[in-house]
PDB file of all heavy atoms in Angstrom:
ATOM      1  N   TRP A   1     108.521-155.234  66.875  1.00  0.00           N
ATOM      2  CA  TRP A   1     108.234-155.107  68.345  1.00  0.00           C
ATOM      3  C   TRP A   1     107.341-153.898  68.552  1.00  0.00           C
ATOM      4  O   TRP A   1     107.576-152.868  67.988  1.00  0.00           O
ATOM      5  CB  TRP A   1     109.503-154.910  69.132  1.00  0.00           C
ATOM      6  CG  TRP A   1     110.370-156.133  69.245  1.00  0.00           C
ATOM      7  CD1 TRP A   1     111.424-156.496  68.436  1.00  0.00           C
ATOM      8  CD2 TRP A   1     110.250-157.163  70.235  1.00  0.00           C
ATOM      9  NE1 TRP A   1     111.937-157.686  68.845  1.00  0.00           N
ATOM     10  CE2 TRP A   1     111.284-158.144  69.873  1.00  0.00           C
ATOM     11  CE3 TRP A   1     109.387-157.456  71.256  1.00  0.00           C
ATOM     12  CZ2 TRP A   1     111.448-159.300  70.619  1.00  0.00           C
ATOM     13  CZ3 TRP A   1     109.573-158.573  72.001  1.00  0.00           C
ATOM     14  CH2 TRP A   1     110.607-159.463  71.728  1.00  0.00           C
ATOM     15  N   TYR A   2     106.370-154.118  69.347  1.00  0.00           N
ATOM     16  CA  TYR A   2     105.419-153.170  69.842  1.00  0.00           C
ATOM     17  C   TYR A   2     105.277-153.229  71.350  1.00  0.00           C
ATOM     18  O   TYR A   2     105.632-154.173  71.927  1.00  0.00           O
ATOM     19  CB  TYR A   2     104.054-153.327  69.171  1.00  0.00           C
ATOM     20  CG  TYR A   2     104.064-153.166  67.702  1.00  0.00           C
ATOM     21  CD1 TYR A   2     104.575-154.096  66.817  1.00  0.00           C
ATOM     22  CD2 TYR A   2     103.538-152.054  67.088  1.00  0.00           C
ATOM     23  CE1 TYR A   2     104.618-153.970  65.428  1.00  0.00           C
ATOM     24  CE2 TYR A   2     103.548-151.887  65.696  1.00  0.00           C
ATOM     25  CZ  TYR A   2     104.102-152.849  64.924  1.00  0.00           C
ATOM     26  OH  TYR A   2     104.106-152.615  63.533  1.00  0.00           O
ATOM     27  N   ARG A   3     104.823-152.110  71.943  1.00  0.00           N
ATOM     28  CA  ARG A   3     104.701-152.107  73.376  1.00  0.00           C
ATOM     29  C   ARG A   3     103.380-151.440  73.703  1.00  0.00           C
ATOM     30  O   ARG A   3     102.808-150.640  73.057  1.00  0.00           O
ATOM     31  CB  ARG A   3     105.868-151.393  73.990  1.00  0.00           C
ATOM     32  CG  ARG A   3     105.941-149.902  73.775  1.00  0.00           C
ATOM     33  CD  ARG A   3     107.262-149.396  74.329  1.00  0.00           C
ATOM     34  NE  ARG A   3     107.351-147.900  74.168  1.00  0.00           N
ATOM     35  CZ  ARG A   3     108.393-147.177  74.430  1.00  0.00           C
ATOM     36  NH1 ARG A   3     109.528-147.752  74.896  1.00  0.00           N
ATOM     37  NH2 ARG A   3     108.413-145.871  74.312  1.00  0.00           N
ATOM     38  N   GLN A   4     102.884-151.780  74.941  1.00  0.00           N
ATOM     39  CA  GLN A   4     101.659-151.216  75.469  1.00  0.00           C
ATOM     40  C   GLN A   4     101.768-150.992  76.977  1.00  0.00           C
ATOM     41  O   GLN A   4     102.051-151.970  77.733  1.00  0.00           O
ATOM     42  CB  GLN A   4     100.491-152.082  75.109  1.00  0.00           C
ATOM     43  CG  GLN A   4      99.190-151.538  75.463  1.00  0.00           C
ATOM     44  CD  GLN A   4      98.017-152.277  74.849  1.00  0.00           C
ATOM     45  OE1 GLN A   4      98.123-153.434  74.501  1.00  0.00           O
ATOM     46  NE2 GLN A   4      96.914-151.586  74.658  1.00  0.00           N
ATOM     47  N   ALA A   5     101.580-149.847  77.460  1.00  0.00           N
ATOM     48  CA  ALA A   5     101.580-149.481  78.840  1.00  0.00           C
ATOM     49  C   ALA A   5     100.053-149.435  79.277  1.00  0.00           C
ATOM     50  O   ALA A   5      99.186-149.136  78.424  1.00  0.00           O
ATOM     51  CB  ALA A   5     102.306-148.180  79.120  1.00  0.00           C
ATOM     52  N   PRO A   6      99.816-149.573  80.541  1.00  0.00           N
ATOM     53  CA  PRO A   6      98.388-149.556  81.012  1.00  0.00           C
ATOM     54  C   PRO A   6      97.729-148.226  80.636  1.00  0.00           C
ATOM     55  O   PRO A   6      98.259-147.163  80.786  1.00  0.00           O
ATOM     56  CB  PRO A   6      98.510-149.677  82.505  1.00  0.00           C
ATOM     57  CG  PRO A   6      99.746-150.433  82.741  1.00  0.00           C
ATOM     58  CD  PRO A   6     100.743-149.911  81.673  1.00  0.00           C
ATOM     59  N   GLY A   7      96.526-148.325  80.025  1.00  0.00           N
ATOM     60  CA  GLY A   7      95.802-147.127  79.568  1.00  0.00           C
ATOM     61  C   GLY A   7      96.137-146.624  78.275  1.00  0.00           C
ATOM     62  O   GLY A   7      95.548-145.681  77.810  1.00  0.00           O
ATOM     63  N   ASN A   8      97.241-147.123  77.653  1.00  0.00           N
ATOM     64  CA  ASN A   8      97.812-146.552  76.447  1.00  0.00           C
ATOM     65  C   ASN A   8      97.457-147.598  75.321  1.00  0.00           C
ATOM     66  O   ASN A   8      97.258-148.713  75.475  1.00  0.00           O
ATOM     67  CB  ASN A   8      99.307-146.346  76.480  1.00  0.00           C
ATOM     68  CG  ASN A   8      99.599-145.180  77.398  1.00  0.00           C
ATOM     69  OD1 ASN A   8      98.747-144.508  77.960  1.00  0.00           O
ATOM     70  ND2 ASN A   8     100.892-144.963  77.566  1.00  0.00           N
ATOM     71  N   GLU A   9      97.499-146.982  74.048  1.00  0.00           N
ATOM     72  CA  GLU A   9      97.407-147.842  72.855  1.00  0.00           C
ATOM     73  C   GLU A   9      98.701-148.558  72.619  1.00  0.00           C
ATOM     74  O   GLU A   9      99.744-148.088  73.052  1.00  0.00           O
ATOM     75  CB  GLU A   9      96.987-147.046  71.648  1.00  0.00           C
ATOM     76  CG  GLU A   9      95.592-146.383  71.716  1.00  0.00           C
ATOM     77  CD  GLU A   9      95.251-145.672  70.472  1.00  0.00           C
ATOM     78  OE1 GLU A   9      96.031-145.729  69.464  1.00  0.00           O
ATOM     79  OE2 GLU A   9      94.149-145.025  70.425  1.00  0.00           O
ATOM     80  N   ARG A  10      98.588-149.635  71.928  1.00  0.00           N
ATOM     81  CA  ARG A  10      99.856-150.329  71.496  1.00  0.00           C
ATOM     82  C   ARG A  10     100.567-149.462  70.506  1.00  0.00           C
ATOM     83  O   ARG A  10      99.997-149.041  69.541  1.00  0.00           O
ATOM     84  CB  ARG A  10      99.512-151.683  70.995  1.00  0.00           C
ATOM     85  CG  ARG A  10     100.690-152.627  70.801  1.00  0.00           C
ATOM     86  CD  ARG A  10     100.248-154.075  70.440  1.00  0.00           C
ATOM     87  NE  ARG A  10      99.543-154.647  71.655  1.00  0.00           N
ATOM     88  CZ  ARG A  10      99.189-155.932  71.700  1.00  0.00           C
ATOM     89  NH1 ARG A  10      99.416-156.759  70.690  1.00  0.00           N
ATOM     90  NH2 ARG A  10      98.534-156.383  72.807  1.00  0.00           N
ATOM     91  N   GLU A  11     101.832-149.293  70.734  1.00  0.00           N
ATOM     92  CA  GLU A  11     102.615-148.396  69.824  1.00  0.00           C
ATOM     93  C   GLU A  11     103.817-149.172  69.286  1.00  0.00           C
ATOM     94  O   GLU A  11     104.381-150.132  69.834  1.00  0.00           O
ATOM     95  CB  GLU A  11     103.093-147.169  70.579  1.00  0.00           C
ATOM     96  CG  GLU A  11     104.141-147.449  71.740  1.00  0.00           C
ATOM     97  CD  GLU A  11     104.651-146.178  72.361  1.00  0.00           C
ATOM     98  OE1 GLU A  11     104.447-145.093  71.781  1.00  0.00           O
ATOM     99  OE2 GLU A  11     105.310-146.278  73.397  1.00  0.00           O
ATOM    100  N   LEU A  12     104.257-148.652  68.101  1.00  0.00           N
ATOM    101  CA  LEU A  12     105.439-149.230  67.464  1.00  0.00           C
ATOM    102  C   LEU A  12     106.745-148.994  68.168  1.00  0.00           C
ATOM    103  O   LEU A  12     107.038-147.861  68.731  1.00  0.00           O
ATOM    104  CB  LEU A  12     105.544-148.486  66.025  1.00  0.00           C
ATOM    105  CG  LEU A  12     106.822-148.748  65.282  1.00  0.00           C
ATOM    106  CD1 LEU A  12     106.950-150.216  64.801  1.00  0.00           C
ATOM    107  CD2 LEU A  12     107.009-147.785  64.116  1.00  0.00           C
ATOM    108  N   VAL A  13     107.502-149.981  68.425  1.00  0.00           N
ATOM    109  CA  VAL A  13     108.830-149.873  68.844  1.00  0.00           C
ATOM    110  C   VAL A  13     109.795-149.858  67.649  1.00  0.00           C
ATOM    111  O   VAL A  13     110.603-149.012  67.421  1.00  0.00           O
ATOM    112  CB  VAL A  13     109.172-151.027  69.830  1.00  0.00           C
ATOM    113  CG1 VAL A  13     110.660-150.920  70.234  1.00  0.00           C
ATOM    114  CG2 VAL A  13     108.269-150.954  71.053  1.00  0.00           C
ATOM    115  N   ALA A  14     109.753-150.977  66.937  1.00  0.00           N
ATOM    116  CA  ALA A  14     110.629-151.125  65.735  1.00  0.00           C
ATOM    117  C   ALA A  14     110.136-152.251  64.872  1.00  0.00           C
ATOM    118  O   ALA A  14     109.510-153.185  65.316  1.00  0.00           O
ATOM    119  CB  ALA A  14     112.070-151.389  66.180  1.00  0.00           C
ATOM    120  N   THR A  15     110.422-152.153  63.555  1.00  0.00           N
ATOM    121  CA  THR A  15     110.177-153.242  62.620  1.00  0.00           C
ATOM    122  C   THR A  15     111.433-153.433  61.786  1.00  0.00           C
ATOM    123  O   THR A  15     112.261-152.594  61.601  1.00  0.00           O
ATOM    124  CB  THR A  15     109.003-152.954  61.701  1.00  0.00           C
ATOM    125  OG1 THR A  15     109.200-151.728  60.944  1.00  0.00           O
ATOM    126  CG2 THR A  15     107.663-152.790  62.486  1.00  0.00           C
ATOM    127  N   ILE A  16     111.488-154.634  61.227  1.00  0.00           N
ATOM    128  CA  ILE A  16     112.617-154.949  60.312  1.00  0.00           C
ATOM    129  C   ILE A  16     112.029-155.790  59.204  1.00  0.00           C
ATOM    130  O   ILE A  16     111.280-156.745  59.460  1.00  0.00           O
ATOM    131  CB  ILE A  16     113.758-155.582  61.050  1.00  0.00           C
ATOM    132  CG1 ILE A  16     114.981-155.834  60.038  1.00  0.00           C
ATOM    133  CG2 ILE A  16     113.411-156.962  61.689  1.00  0.00           C
ATOM    134  CD1 ILE A  16     116.256-156.202  60.751  1.00  0.00           C
ATOM    135  N   THR A  17     112.488-155.554  57.963  1.00  0.00           N
ATOM    136  CA  THR A  17     111.962-156.284  56.808  1.00  0.00           C
ATOM    137  C   THR A  17     113.006-157.316  56.431  1.00  0.00           C
ATOM    138  O   THR A  17     114.146-157.322  56.875  1.00  0.00           O
ATOM    139  CB  THR A  17     111.626-155.380  55.644  1.00  0.00           C
ATOM    140  OG1 THR A  17     112.869-154.720  55.155  1.00  0.00           O
ATOM    141  CG2 THR A  17     110.658-154.318  56.080  1.00  0.00           C
ATOM    142  N   SER A  18     112.591-158.165  55.462  1.00  0.00           N
ATOM    143  CA  SER A  18     113.501-159.237  54.984  1.00  0.00           C
ATOM    144  C   SER A  18     114.709-158.664  54.325  1.00  0.00           C
ATOM    145  O   SER A  18     115.760-159.377  54.274  1.00  0.00           O
ATOM    146  CB  SER A  18     112.696-160.138  54.101  1.00  0.00           C
ATOM    147  OG  SER A  18     112.198-159.479  52.972  1.00  0.00           O
ATOM    148  N   ASP A  19     114.658-157.512  53.753  1.00  0.00           N
ATOM    149  CA  ASP A  19     115.871-156.896  53.106  1.00  0.00           C
ATOM    150  C   ASP A  19     116.673-156.068  54.065  1.00  0.00           C
ATOM    151  O   ASP A  19     117.659-155.383  53.682  1.00  0.00           O
ATOM    152  CB  ASP A  19     115.425-156.080  51.950  1.00  0.00           C
ATOM    153  CG  ASP A  19     114.588-154.865  52.220  1.00  0.00           C
ATOM    154  OD1 ASP A  19     114.356-154.609  53.429  1.00  0.00           O
ATOM    155  OD2 ASP A  19     114.157-154.160  51.294  1.00  0.00           O
ATOM    156  N   GLY A  20     116.295-156.090  55.374  1.00  0.00           N
ATOM    157  CA  GLY A  20     117.080-155.376  56.356  1.00  0.00           C
ATOM    158  C   GLY A  20     116.651-153.983  56.699  1.00  0.00           C
ATOM    159  O   GLY A  20     117.306-153.301  57.582  1.00  0.00           O
ATOM    160  N   SER A  21     115.686-153.490  56.010  1.00  0.00           N
ATOM    161  CA  SER A  21     115.149-152.131  56.268  1.00  0.00           C
ATOM    162  C   SER A  21     114.533-152.057  57.642  1.00  0.00           C
ATOM    163  O   SER A  21     113.732-152.978  58.000  1.00  0.00           O
ATOM    164  CB  SER A  21     114.198-151.732  55.145  1.00  0.00           C
ATOM    165  OG  SER A  21     113.672-150.424  55.466  1.00  0.00           O
ATOM    166  N   THR A  22     114.798-151.032  58.424  1.00  0.00           N
ATOM    167  CA  THR A  22     114.277-150.894  59.779  1.00  0.00           C
ATOM    168  C   THR A  22     113.460-149.642  59.893  1.00  0.00           C
ATOM    169  O   THR A  22     113.702-148.608  59.139  1.00  0.00           O
ATOM    170  CB  THR A  22     115.416-150.881  60.827  1.00  0.00           C
ATOM    171  OG1 THR A  22     116.368-149.817  60.510  1.00  0.00           O
ATOM    172  CG2 THR A  22     116.160-152.193  60.841  1.00  0.00           C
ATOM    173  N   ASN A  23     112.569-149.637  60.870  1.00  0.00           N
ATOM    174  CA  ASN A  23     111.748-148.521  61.192  1.00  0.00           C
ATOM    175  C   ASN A  23     111.565-148.425  62.655  1.00  0.00           C
ATOM    176  O   ASN A  23     111.310-149.472  63.318  1.00  0.00           O
ATOM    177  CB  ASN A  23     110.415-148.552  60.416  1.00  0.00           C
ATOM    178  CG  ASN A  23     109.609-147.285  60.655  1.00  0.00           C
ATOM    179  OD1 ASN A  23     110.096-146.146  60.579  1.00  0.00           O
ATOM    180  ND2 ASN A  23     108.338-147.450  60.825  1.00  0.00           N
ATOM    181  N   TYR A  24     111.731-147.244  63.262  1.00  0.00           N
ATOM    182  CA  TYR A  24     111.620-147.128  64.708  1.00  0.00           C
ATOM    183  C   TYR A  24     110.627-146.037  65.075  1.00  0.00           C
ATOM    184  O   TYR A  24     110.393-145.077  64.431  1.00  0.00           O
ATOM    185  CB  TYR A  24     112.937-146.707  65.294  1.00  0.00           C
ATOM    186  CG  TYR A  24     114.085-147.702  65.143  1.00  0.00           C
ATOM    187  CD1 TYR A  24     114.917-147.775  64.049  1.00  0.00           C
ATOM    188  CD2 TYR A  24     114.254-148.711  66.128  1.00  0.00           C
ATOM    189  CE1 TYR A  24     115.878-148.675  63.872  1.00  0.00           C
ATOM    190  CE2 TYR A  24     115.242-149.716  65.972  1.00  0.00           C
ATOM    191  CZ  TYR A  24     116.030-149.712  64.842  1.00  0.00           C
ATOM    192  OH  TYR A  24     117.018-150.632  64.708  1.00  0.00           O
ATOM    193  N   GLY A  25     109.980-146.320  66.265  1.00  0.00           N
ATOM    194  CA  GLY A  25     109.174-145.317  66.821  1.00  0.00           C
ATOM    195  C   GLY A  25     109.993-144.157  67.247  1.00  0.00           C
ATOM    196  O   GLY A  25     111.097-144.275  67.660  1.00  0.00           O
ATOM    197  N   ASN A  26     109.412-142.915  67.224  1.00  0.00           N
ATOM    198  CA  ASN A  26     110.145-141.742  67.543  1.00  0.00           C
ATOM    199  C   ASN A  26     110.798-141.717  68.921  1.00  0.00           C
ATOM    200  O   ASN A  26     111.809-141.243  69.152  1.00  0.00           O
ATOM    201  CB  ASN A  26     109.283-140.545  67.362  1.00  0.00           C
ATOM    202  CG  ASN A  26     108.963-140.186  65.909  1.00  0.00           C
ATOM    203  OD1 ASN A  26     109.715-140.551  65.007  1.00  0.00           O
ATOM    204  ND2 ASN A  26     107.817-139.576  65.671  1.00  0.00           N
ATOM    205  N   SER A  27     110.066-142.382  69.857  1.00  0.00           N
ATOM    206  CA  SER A  27     110.464-142.306  71.231  1.00  0.00           C
ATOM    207  C   SER A  27     111.734-143.210  71.528  1.00  0.00           C
ATOM    208  O   SER A  27     112.371-143.099  72.554  1.00  0.00           O
ATOM    209  CB  SER A  27     109.367-142.624  72.183  1.00  0.00           C
ATOM    210  OG  SER A  27     108.911-143.963  71.977  1.00  0.00           O
ATOM    211  N   VAL A  28     112.030-144.150  70.618  1.00  0.00           N
ATOM    212  CA  VAL A  28     113.102-145.070  70.862  1.00  0.00           C
ATOM    213  C   VAL A  28     114.263-144.890  69.810  1.00  0.00           C
ATOM    214  O   VAL A  28     115.243-145.552  70.023  1.00  0.00           O
ATOM    215  CB  VAL A  28     112.609-146.575  70.824  1.00  0.00           C
ATOM    216  CG1 VAL A  28     111.465-146.707  71.741  1.00  0.00           C
ATOM    217  CG2 VAL A  28     112.256-146.969  69.412  1.00  0.00           C
ATOM    218  N   LYS A  29     114.167-144.010  68.909  1.00  0.00           N
ATOM    219  CA  LYS A  29     115.224-143.795  67.887  1.00  0.00           C
ATOM    220  C   LYS A  29     116.501-143.405  68.590  1.00  0.00           C
ATOM    221  O   LYS A  29     116.486-142.568  69.447  1.00  0.00           O
ATOM    222  CB  LYS A  29     114.803-142.743  66.872  1.00  0.00           C
ATOM    223  CG  LYS A  29     113.735-143.186  65.939  1.00  0.00           C
ATOM    224  CD  LYS A  29     113.376-142.035  64.937  1.00  0.00           C
ATOM    225  CE  LYS A  29     112.323-142.549  63.969  1.00  0.00           C
ATOM    226  NZ  LYS A  29     111.932-141.461  63.040  1.00  0.00           N
ATOM    227  N   GLY A  30     117.613-144.036  68.209  1.00  0.00           N
ATOM    228  CA  GLY A  30     118.890-143.797  68.770  1.00  0.00           C
ATOM    229  C   GLY A  30     119.225-144.616  69.993  1.00  0.00           C
ATOM    230  O   GLY A  30     120.301-144.591  70.420  1.00  0.00           O
ATOM    231  N   ARG A  31     118.218-145.271  70.523  1.00  0.00           N
ATOM    232  CA  ARG A  31     118.398-146.035  71.724  1.00  0.00           C
ATOM    233  C   ARG A  31     118.178-147.568  71.554  1.00  0.00           C
ATOM    234  O   ARG A  31     118.829-148.320  72.217  1.00  0.00           O
ATOM    235  CB  ARG A  31     117.454-145.529  72.843  1.00  0.00           C
ATOM    236  CG  ARG A  31     117.720-144.097  73.254  1.00  0.00           C
ATOM    237  CD  ARG A  31     116.909-143.733  74.484  1.00  0.00           C
ATOM    238  NE  ARG A  31     115.469-143.824  74.195  1.00  0.00           N
ATOM    239  CZ  ARG A  31     114.628-144.579  74.959  1.00  0.00           C
ATOM    240  NH1 ARG A  31     115.131-145.332  75.916  1.00  0.00           N
ATOM    241  NH2 ARG A  31     113.350-144.604  74.632  1.00  0.00           N
ATOM    242  N   PHE A  32     117.251-147.879  70.669  1.00  0.00           N
ATOM    243  CA  PHE A  32     116.922-149.352  70.419  1.00  0.00           C
ATOM    244  C   PHE A  32     117.438-149.733  69.083  1.00  0.00           C
ATOM    245  O   PHE A  32     117.441-148.945  68.095  1.00  0.00           O
ATOM    246  CB  PHE A  32     115.407-149.497  70.482  1.00  0.00           C
ATOM    247  CG  PHE A  32     114.803-149.314  71.870  1.00  0.00           C
ATOM    248  CD1 PHE A  32     115.493-148.744  72.911  1.00  0.00           C
ATOM    249  CD2 PHE A  32     113.471-149.740  72.015  1.00  0.00           C
ATOM    250  CE1 PHE A  32     114.923-148.714  74.175  1.00  0.00           C
ATOM    251  CE2 PHE A  32     112.866-149.568  73.268  1.00  0.00           C
ATOM    252  CZ  PHE A  32     113.593-149.057  74.330  1.00  0.00           C
ATOM    253  N   THR A  33     117.740-150.988  68.963  1.00  0.00           N
ATOM    254  CA  THR A  33     118.195-151.577  67.663  1.00  0.00           C
ATOM    255  C   THR A  33     117.511-152.880  67.438  1.00  0.00           C
ATOM    256  O   THR A  33     117.631-153.784  68.314  1.00  0.00           O
ATOM    257  CB  THR A  33     119.698-151.772  67.610  1.00  0.00           C
ATOM    258  OG1 THR A  33     120.374-150.483  67.774  1.00  0.00           O
ATOM    259  CG2 THR A  33     120.126-152.296  66.216  1.00  0.00           C
ATOM    260  N   ILE A  34     116.812-153.036  66.315  1.00  0.00           N
ATOM    261  CA  ILE A  34     116.137-154.345  66.060  1.00  0.00           C
ATOM    262  C   ILE A  34     117.025-155.085  65.074  1.00  0.00           C
ATOM    263  O   ILE A  34     117.700-154.550  64.202  1.00  0.00           O
ATOM    264  CB  ILE A  34     114.683-154.078  65.467  1.00  0.00           C
ATOM    265  CG1 ILE A  34     113.945-155.403  65.311  1.00  0.00           C
ATOM    266  CG2 ILE A  34     114.786-153.366  64.118  1.00  0.00           C
ATOM    267  CD1 ILE A  34     112.528-155.225  64.965  1.00  0.00           C
ATOM    268  N   SER A  35     116.972-156.427  65.161  1.00  0.00           N
ATOM    269  CA  SER A  35     117.722-157.297  64.273  1.00  0.00           C
ATOM    270  C   SER A  35     116.956-158.631  64.159  1.00  0.00           C
ATOM    271  O   SER A  35     116.100-158.955  64.950  1.00  0.00           O
ATOM    272  CB  SER A  35     119.162-157.555  64.732  1.00  0.00           C
ATOM    273  OG  SER A  35     119.136-158.189  66.026  1.00  0.00           O
ATOM    274  N   ARG A  36     117.277-159.340  63.067  1.00  0.00           N
ATOM    275  CA  ARG A  36     116.659-160.679  62.918  1.00  0.00           C
ATOM    276  C   ARG A  36     117.706-161.707  62.498  1.00  0.00           C
ATOM    277  O   ARG A  36     118.659-161.341  61.768  1.00  0.00           O
ATOM    278  CB  ARG A  36     115.543-160.644  61.885  1.00  0.00           C
ATOM    279  CG  ARG A  36     115.917-160.255  60.443  1.00  0.00           C
ATOM    280  CD  ARG A  36     114.690-160.006  59.564  1.00  0.00           C
ATOM    281  NE  ARG A  36     113.920-161.152  59.263  1.00  0.00           N
ATOM    282  CZ  ARG A  36     112.737-161.132  58.698  1.00  0.00           C
ATOM    283  NH1 ARG A  36     112.092-159.958  58.404  1.00  0.00           N
ATOM    284  NH2 ARG A  36     112.048-162.293  58.432  1.00  0.00           N
ATOM    285  N   ASP A  37     117.550-162.888  62.943  1.00  0.00           N
ATOM    286  CA  ASP A  37     118.390-163.997  62.696  1.00  0.00           C
ATOM    287  C   ASP A  37     117.570-165.147  62.084  1.00  0.00           C
ATOM    288  O   ASP A  37     116.916-165.862  62.791  1.00  0.00           O
ATOM    289  CB  ASP A  37     119.145-164.466  63.912  1.00  0.00           C
ATOM    290  CG  ASP A  37     120.254-165.516  63.647  1.00  0.00           C
ATOM    291  OD1 ASP A  37     120.100-166.239  62.638  1.00  0.00           O
ATOM    292  OD2 ASP A  37     121.239-165.597  64.480  1.00  0.00           O
ATOM    293  N   ASN A  38     117.559-165.227  60.821  1.00  0.00           N
ATOM    294  CA  ASN A  38     116.711-166.206  60.101  1.00  0.00           C
ATOM    295  C   ASN A  38     117.102-167.611  60.473  1.00  0.00           C
ATOM    296  O   ASN A  38     116.215-168.502  60.510  1.00  0.00           O
ATOM    297  CB  ASN A  38     116.819-165.985  58.628  1.00  0.00           C
ATOM    298  CG  ASN A  38     116.140-164.707  58.180  1.00  0.00           C
ATOM    299  OD1 ASN A  38     115.275-164.133  58.821  1.00  0.00           O
ATOM    300  ND2 ASN A  38     116.612-164.213  57.027  1.00  0.00           N
ATOM    301  N   ALA A  39     118.364-167.889  60.643  1.00  0.00           N
ATOM    302  CA  ALA A  39     118.853-169.226  60.998  1.00  0.00           C
ATOM    303  C   ALA A  39     118.292-169.690  62.353  1.00  0.00           C
ATOM    304  O   ALA A  39     118.047-170.910  62.536  1.00  0.00           O
ATOM    305  CB  ALA A  39     120.406-169.276  61.003  1.00  0.00           C
ATOM    306  N   LYS A  40     118.096-168.758  63.264  1.00  0.00           N
ATOM    307  CA  LYS A  40     117.484-169.096  64.591  1.00  0.00           C
ATOM    308  C   LYS A  40     116.054-168.769  64.648  1.00  0.00           C
ATOM    309  O   LYS A  40     115.468-168.937  65.751  1.00  0.00           O
ATOM    310  CB  LYS A  40     118.292-168.299  65.674  1.00  0.00           C
ATOM    311  CG  LYS A  40     119.717-168.670  65.791  1.00  0.00           C
ATOM    312  CD  LYS A  40     120.422-167.872  66.960  1.00  0.00           C
ATOM    313  CE  LYS A  40     121.845-168.279  67.060  1.00  0.00           C
ATOM    314  NZ  LYS A  40     122.454-167.489  68.165  1.00  0.00           N
ATOM    315  N   ASN A  41     115.440-168.305  63.559  1.00  0.00           N
ATOM    316  CA  ASN A  41     114.056-167.948  63.558  1.00  0.00           C
ATOM    317  C   ASN A  41     113.698-166.979  64.712  1.00  0.00           C
ATOM    318  O   ASN A  41     112.642-167.099  65.366  1.00  0.00           O
ATOM    319  CB  ASN A  41     113.167-169.239  63.649  1.00  0.00           C
ATOM    320  CG  ASN A  41     113.373-170.114  62.472  1.00  0.00           C
ATOM    321  OD1 ASN A  41     113.559-169.715  61.319  1.00  0.00           O
ATOM    322  ND2 ASN A  41     113.356-171.464  62.723  1.00  0.00           N
ATOM    323  N   THR A  42     114.523-165.977  64.872  1.00  0.00           N
ATOM    324  CA  THR A  42     114.439-165.112  66.011  1.00  0.00           C
ATOM    325  C   THR A  42     114.664-163.662  65.642  1.00  0.00           C
ATOM    326  O   THR A  42     115.461-163.341  64.760  1.00  0.00           O
ATOM    327  CB  THR A  42     115.437-165.550  67.086  1.00  0.00           C
ATOM    328  OG1 THR A  42     115.234-166.851  67.474  1.00  0.00           O
ATOM    329  CG2 THR A  42     115.317-164.628  68.331  1.00  0.00           C
TER     330      THR A  42
END
């Protein structure tokens, strides 16, 4: 997930890999959680 506010560059929110490893943007760490459900393709 990435986000973009007017006038700003698109920035990282969070990523998740197939092995479950996650990475978060500094501004959302501790507040946002990314997950994936392969069965639902979501």
